[in-house]
Amino acid sequence: MVVLGIDIGGNQIRAGMVNEEGAILASRTIQTPADLDTFLPSLQDAIGWLVEGTAFPTGVGVGCKGTINPDTTCIESLRGPLHFLEGLRLVDIVGLPLEVPVFADNDARVALAGEVVWGAARGLENVLMLTLGNGVGGAALVNGRLLRGHAGLAGHIGHLTVDPQGAVCSCGNRGCLETVFSARAIESDAWAAVHRGCDSVLTQLFREQPQLASCRTIFQAAREGDAVAMAIVSLAIYKLGAALAGLLHIFDPEIVILGGNVADAGADLLIPLQEEVWSRSRGLLGRDVPIVEQQVADRSGIIGAASLAMAPRA
């Protein structure tokens, strides 16, 4: 059994053939076209190349940002550079014969679907996943099914209000979780410290090599004992931990999975986050819910997307 996984991103589209073991047999990456007239033929050419070089897929899974109707594969809302796809059905965009089923969902739920089929959520019924990157995405598996909600918006954990008087978020709300814990939030705090002239290795580094002004660099500086970086990281984890503890009381999951680029910090994030969450939640839950890194280490999104076709009604 071979399925086609497609990840549609604002900068790149990645597609690949995936087997039952979750291995990518062949893949193709193209730059995301800027308009529909070039988008459709570019995607379909990439799919044709994969089909000719491997095998005809038994199903297709597609991950895409925005609000996706999984029953129709319609992109109901999509902001940003891919706005021209809004209102279209992904089953039509893929362009394969009608007998090939196409399944689609947003990128965070796709990441969790991959963990359900091949990763840390395999065999579990209740799971919470956070994707930590420039923003904060999320998804929940509840009693064995991906939670979608009335309008398909369930799982937007990054827009949980953690500070009612906090910074304005891109969504228009104030004090969302991703305004205090996300790559952009952490980088913003570091730039503010540099602008104030704080005594930190970040000050000289960011001014002389601004390309290194990343969340990864800040975590590394904190690991090496820089006081400013340590304070920034510690406060961000403290706030994420408080929010996550509240989510545990709502969802009562068997496990929490962390994905996204910020989760690459590994133990520097995981250990203090576990301590913060467990200290806040064990009183009511009576247990320490495991918080782990994602096991499907596929940054392309292809494997997660393919999992929708492997277990389409998860």
Protein backbone atom coordinates (compact mmCIF):
# COMPACT_ATOMS: atom_id res chain seq x y z
CA MET A 1 0.00 0.00 0.00
CA VAL A 2 1.41 3.36 -1.06
CA VAL A 3 -0.25 6.70 -0.39
CA LEU A 4 0.56 10.22 -1.48
CA GLY A 5 1.20 12.85 1.18
CA ILE A 6 1.12 16.55 0.29
CA ASP A 7 2.02 19.49 2.51
CA ILE A 8 0.97 22.87 1.13
CA GLY A 9 2.93 25.68 2.74
CA GLY A 10 3.25 29.37 2.07
CA ASN A 11 6.83 29.01 0.81
CA GLN A 12 7.04 25.43 -0.42
CA ILE A 13 4.84 22.52 -1.45
CA ARG A 14 6.19 19.11 -0.54
CA ALA A 15 4.77 15.86 -1.85
CA GLY A 16 5.88 12.27 -1.44
CA MET A 17 4.91 8.63 -1.73
CA VAL A 18 4.74 6.92 1.67
CA ASN A 19 4.49 3.21 2.43
CA GLU A 20 2.73 1.40 5.29
CA GLU A 21 5.79 1.71 7.54
CA GLY A 22 5.76 5.50 7.23
CA ALA A 23 8.83 5.66 4.99
CA ILE A 24 9.04 8.20 2.16
CA LEU A 25 9.77 6.30 -1.05
CA ALA A 26 10.09 9.38 -3.26
CA SER A 27 9.45 13.07 -2.79
CA ARG A 28 9.31 16.34 -4.69
CA THR A 29 9.54 19.92 -3.39
CA ILE A 30 8.52 22.98 -5.37
CA GLN A 31 8.32 26.66 -4.53
CA THR A 32 4.74 27.70 -3.81
CA PRO A 33 3.37 29.61 -6.82
CA ALA A 34 1.96 33.08 -6.23
CA ASP A 35 -1.34 32.62 -8.08
CA LEU A 36 -3.85 29.93 -8.95
CA ASP A 37 -2.99 29.83 -12.66
CA THR A 38 0.52 28.62 -11.90
CA PHE A 39 -0.32 26.77 -8.68
CA LEU A 40 -2.51 24.08 -10.25
CA PRO A 41 -0.21 22.96 -13.07
CA SER A 42 2.88 23.12 -10.82
CA LEU A 43 1.30 20.88 -8.18
CA GLN A 44 -0.16 18.47 -10.69
CA ASP A 45 3.15 18.20 -12.55
CA ALA A 46 4.88 17.28 -9.28
CA ILE A 47 2.22 14.67 -8.53
CA GLY A 48 2.50 13.24 -12.04
CA TRP A 49 6.27 12.94 -11.67
CA LEU A 50 5.86 11.00 -8.40
CA VAL A 51 3.19 8.67 -9.80
CA GLU A 52 5.26 7.86 -12.88
CA GLY A 53 8.37 7.18 -10.83
CA THR A 54 6.86 5.01 -8.08
CA ALA A 55 3.31 3.63 -8.06
CA PHE A 56 -0.25 4.82 -8.32
CA PRO A 57 -1.41 5.80 -4.80
CA THR A 58 -4.33 4.10 -3.09
CA GLY A 59 -5.16 7.39 -1.38
CA VAL A 60 -4.02 10.97 -0.88
CA GLY A 61 -3.61 12.99 2.29
CA VAL A 62 -3.21 16.77 2.18
CA GLY A 63 -2.14 19.12 4.95
CA CYS A 64 -2.72 22.84 4.54
CA LYS A 65 -3.02 25.89 6.75
CA GLY A 66 -6.42 27.45 7.26
CA THR A 67 -9.82 25.99 8.01
CA ILE A 68 -10.37 22.76 6.08
CA ASN A 69 -13.66 20.87 5.86
CA PRO A 70 -12.51 17.23 6.09
CA ASP A 71 -15.76 15.92 4.62
CA THR A 72 -15.54 17.95 1.40
CA THR A 73 -11.79 18.89 1.49
CA CYS A 74 -12.92 22.49 0.89
CA ILE A 75 -10.56 25.24 2.11
CA GLU A 76 -13.15 27.36 3.88
CA SER A 77 -10.82 30.12 5.05
CA LEU A 78 -7.16 30.81 4.42
CA ARG A 79 -5.27 34.03 5.12
CA GLY A 80 -1.88 34.99 3.79
CA PRO A 81 -0.12 34.24 0.50
CA LEU A 82 -2.31 31.22 -0.28
CA HIS A 83 -5.56 33.16 0.00
CA PHE A 84 -6.35 32.39 -3.66
CA LEU A 85 -7.07 28.77 -2.65
CA GLU A 86 -9.93 29.80 -0.38
CA GLY A 87 -13.20 28.22 -1.44
CA LEU A 88 -11.57 25.48 -3.51
CA ARG A 89 -11.69 21.73 -2.84
CA LEU A 90 -8.35 20.01 -2.38
CA VAL A 91 -9.75 16.90 -4.08
CA ASP A 92 -10.09 19.00 -7.24
CA ILE A 93 -6.69 20.66 -6.84
CA VAL A 94 -4.90 17.31 -6.63
CA GLY A 95 -6.31 16.33 -10.01
CA LEU A 96 -6.20 12.53 -9.68
CA PRO A 97 -9.03 10.23 -10.87
CA LEU A 98 -12.17 10.27 -8.75
CA GLU A 99 -11.67 6.70 -7.51
CA VAL A 100 -8.60 7.82 -5.54
CA PRO A 101 -9.86 9.11 -2.18
CA VAL A 102 -8.46 12.42 -0.96
CA PHE A 103 -8.39 13.36 2.73
CA ALA A 104 -7.40 16.77 4.05
CA ASP A 105 -7.03 18.73 7.27
CA ASN A 106 -5.08 21.64 8.70
CA ASP A 107 -1.39 21.28 9.41
CA ALA A 108 -1.57 20.87 13.21
CA ARG A 109 -4.16 18.08 13.06
CA VAL A 110 -2.13 16.47 10.29
CA ALA A 111 0.90 16.44 12.61
CA LEU A 112 -1.13 14.68 15.31
CA ALA A 113 -2.58 12.23 12.76
CA GLY A 114 0.99 11.22 11.91
CA GLU A 115 1.71 10.57 15.58
CA VAL A 116 -1.47 8.47 15.85
CA VAL A 117 -0.47 6.23 12.95
CA TRP A 118 3.32 6.04 13.37
CA GLY A 119 4.42 7.99 16.43
CA ALA A 120 3.99 8.77 20.12
CA ALA A 121 0.18 8.61 20.04
CA ARG A 122 -0.01 5.15 18.51
CA GLY A 123 -2.58 3.03 20.36
CA LEU A 124 -3.79 5.94 22.53
CA GLU A 125 -7.27 7.45 22.73
CA ASN A 126 -6.76 10.88 24.32
CA VAL A 127 -3.81 13.00 23.26
CA LEU A 128 -2.96 16.70 23.18
CA MET A 129 -0.38 18.05 20.72
CA LEU A 130 1.21 21.49 20.51
CA THR A 131 3.18 22.61 17.48
CA LEU A 132 5.60 25.29 18.64
CA GLY A 133 7.01 27.49 15.89
CA ASN A 134 6.54 31.10 14.79
CA GLY A 135 3.07 30.64 16.23
CA VAL A 136 1.51 27.95 18.39
CA GLY A 137 -0.70 25.36 16.77
CA GLY A 138 -2.50 22.52 18.40
CA ALA A 139 -4.66 19.46 18.00
CA ALA A 140 -6.48 17.05 20.28
CA LEU A 141 -7.41 13.40 19.99
CA VAL A 142 -10.53 12.82 22.10
CA ASN A 143 -11.83 9.28 22.61
CA GLY A 144 -9.96 8.17 19.53
CA ARG A 145 -11.09 10.91 17.15
CA LEU A 146 -9.43 14.14 16.09
CA LEU A 147 -11.34 17.04 17.61
CA ARG A 148 -12.54 19.48 14.95
CA GLY A 149 -15.38 21.40 16.57
CA HIS A 150 -18.48 22.97 15.06
CA ALA A 151 -16.70 25.02 12.38
CA GLY A 152 -13.43 23.09 12.16
CA LEU A 153 -11.57 25.56 14.37
CA ALA A 154 -10.88 23.34 17.39
CA GLY A 155 -7.24 23.12 18.39
CA HIS A 156 -6.15 26.75 18.02
CA ILE A 157 -4.26 26.51 21.30
CA GLY A 158 -2.02 29.42 20.40
CA HIS A 159 -5.00 31.75 20.71
CA LEU A 160 -5.84 30.78 24.25
CA THR A 161 -5.84 34.02 26.26
CA VAL A 162 -3.16 33.91 28.97
CA ASP A 163 -2.92 37.67 29.67
CA PRO A 164 -6.13 39.67 29.11
CA GLN A 165 -4.14 42.93 29.01
CA GLY A 166 -1.22 41.51 27.04
CA ALA A 167 0.19 42.29 23.62
CA VAL A 168 -2.03 42.42 20.56
CA CYS A 169 -1.99 39.13 18.68
CA SER A 170 -2.15 38.61 14.91
CA CYS A 171 -5.67 37.26 15.40
CA GLY A 172 -6.84 40.59 16.87
CA ASN A 173 -7.13 39.36 20.46
CA ARG A 174 -4.83 40.43 23.29
CA GLY A 175 -2.51 38.24 25.30
CA CYS A 176 -2.80 35.00 23.32
CA LEU A 177 -0.43 32.19 24.26
CA GLU A 178 1.64 32.71 21.11
CA THR A 179 2.32 36.33 22.12
CA VAL A 180 4.26 35.02 25.15
CA PHE A 181 5.54 31.66 23.93
CA SER A 182 6.47 31.22 20.29
CA ALA A 183 9.64 31.67 18.29
CA ARG A 184 8.57 35.21 17.38
CA ALA A 185 7.67 36.11 20.97
CA ILE A 186 10.98 34.83 22.34
CA GLU A 187 12.95 36.57 19.59
CA SER A 188 11.01 39.79 20.19
CA ASP A 189 11.89 39.71 23.89
CA ALA A 190 15.55 39.18 23.03
CA TRP A 191 15.59 42.08 20.55
CA ALA A 192 13.98 44.30 23.20
CA ALA A 193 16.77 43.41 25.64
CA VAL A 194 19.37 44.16 22.98
CA HIS A 195 17.71 47.49 22.21
CA ARG A 196 17.85 48.40 25.92
CA GLY A 197 21.57 47.70 25.92
CA CYS A 198 21.45 44.78 28.35
CA ASP A 199 24.72 43.06 29.19
CA SER A 200 24.32 39.85 27.21
CA VAL A 201 26.12 37.81 24.57
CA LEU A 202 22.99 38.37 22.51
CA THR A 203 23.64 42.12 22.28
CA GLN A 204 26.84 41.91 20.28
CA LEU A 205 25.73 38.78 18.41
CA PHE A 206 22.42 40.20 17.20
CA ARG A 207 23.94 43.52 16.18
CA GLU A 208 26.88 42.04 14.29
CA GLN A 209 25.16 38.93 12.92
CA PRO A 210 21.41 39.64 12.80
CA GLN A 211 20.85 36.45 10.79
CA LEU A 212 21.55 34.56 14.03
CA ALA A 213 18.73 36.32 15.87
CA SER A 214 16.70 33.15 16.24
CA CYS A 215 14.88 31.30 18.98
CA ARG A 216 17.44 28.50 18.65
CA THR A 217 20.29 30.95 19.37
CA ILE A 218 18.49 32.28 22.44
CA PHE A 219 17.98 28.79 23.87
CA GLN A 220 21.65 28.05 23.22
CA ALA A 221 22.74 31.23 25.01
CA ALA A 222 20.52 30.29 27.95
CA ARG A 223 22.09 26.81 28.03
CA GLU A 224 25.53 28.44 28.19
CA GLY A 225 24.54 30.56 31.18
CA ASP A 226 23.76 33.98 29.68
CA ALA A 227 21.60 35.67 32.31
CA VAL A 228 19.41 37.64 29.89
CA ALA A 229 18.73 34.62 27.68
CA MET A 230 18.02 32.48 30.74
CA ALA A 231 15.49 35.01 32.01
CA ILE A 232 13.72 35.22 28.63
CA VAL A 233 13.51 31.45 28.19
CA SER A 234 12.52 30.81 31.80
CA LEU A 235 9.63 33.29 31.68
CA ALA A 236 8.38 31.95 28.35
CA ILE A 237 8.38 28.36 29.63
CA TYR A 238 6.70 29.48 32.86
CA LYS A 239 3.82 30.97 30.87
CA LEU A 240 3.55 28.00 28.51
CA GLY A 241 3.52 25.67 31.50
CA ALA A 242 0.69 27.57 33.16
CA ALA A 243 -1.40 27.43 30.00
CA LEU A 244 -0.66 23.76 29.39
CA ALA A 245 -1.58 22.82 32.95
CA GLY A 246 -4.98 24.38 32.39
CA LEU A 247 -5.39 22.42 29.16
CA LEU A 248 -4.64 19.18 31.00
CA HIS A 249 -7.55 19.88 33.31
CA ILE A 250 -9.82 20.35 30.28
CA PHE A 251 -8.70 17.44 28.09
CA ASP A 252 -7.33 14.94 30.63
CA PRO A 253 -4.98 13.42 28.01
CA GLU A 254 -2.88 10.30 28.32
CA ILE A 255 0.08 12.15 26.85
CA VAL A 256 1.13 15.58 25.53
CA ILE A 257 3.24 15.74 22.38
CA LEU A 258 5.39 18.73 21.44
CA GLY A 259 6.27 19.39 17.81
CA GLY A 260 7.53 22.31 15.77
CA ASN A 261 10.90 24.01 15.48
CA VAL A 262 10.95 25.38 19.04
CA ALA A 263 10.60 21.82 20.38
CA ASP A 264 14.03 21.15 18.85
CA ALA A 265 15.40 22.71 22.05
CA GLY A 266 14.87 19.24 23.53
CA ALA A 267 15.63 18.85 27.22
CA ASP A 268 16.22 22.60 27.62
CA LEU A 269 12.50 23.04 26.99
CA LEU A 270 11.09 19.69 28.02
CA ILE A 271 12.51 19.32 31.54
CA PRO A 272 11.56 22.76 32.95
CA LEU A 273 8.20 22.58 31.17
CA GLN A 274 7.45 19.20 32.72
CA GLU A 275 8.32 20.51 36.16
CA GLU A 276 6.10 23.58 35.74
CA VAL A 277 3.14 21.67 34.35
CA TRP A 278 3.31 18.81 36.82
CA SER A 279 3.57 21.11 39.84
CA ARG A 280 0.38 22.84 38.70
CA SER A 281 -1.66 19.82 37.61
CA ARG A 282 -0.90 16.79 39.75
CA GLY A 283 -3.06 18.03 42.62
CA LEU A 284 -6.28 17.51 40.65
CA LEU A 285 -5.18 14.92 38.11
CA GLY A 286 -3.33 12.80 40.64
CA ARG A 287 -0.64 11.91 38.11
CA ASP A 288 2.08 13.42 35.98
CA VAL A 289 0.93 13.41 32.35
CA PRO A 290 3.92 12.53 30.12
CA ILE A 291 5.12 15.41 27.94
CA VAL A 292 7.21 14.11 25.06
CA GLU A 293 8.68 15.20 21.75
CA GLN A 294 7.04 14.08 18.54
CA GLN A 295 8.35 10.80 17.15
CA VAL A 296 7.51 11.42 13.50
CA ALA A 297 10.56 13.58 12.85
CA ASP A 298 9.49 14.67 9.38
CA ARG A 299 9.70 18.42 8.98
CA SER A 300 8.37 18.19 5.44
CA GLY A 301 4.84 17.34 6.61
CA ILE A 302 4.61 14.58 4.00
CA ILE A 303 4.32 11.69 6.46
CA GLY A 304 1.71 13.42 8.58
CA ALA A 305 -0.35 14.21 5.51
CA ALA A 306 -0.03 10.62 4.26
CA SER A 307 -1.35 9.34 7.59
CA LEU A 308 -4.73 10.86 6.78
CA ALA A 309 -5.06 8.38 3.95
CA MET A 310 -3.76 5.50 6.07
CA ALA A 311 -6.26 6.13 8.88
CA PRO A 312 -8.74 8.57 7.30
CA ARG A 313 -11.37 8.59 10.04
CA ALA A 314 -9.02 9.09 13.01
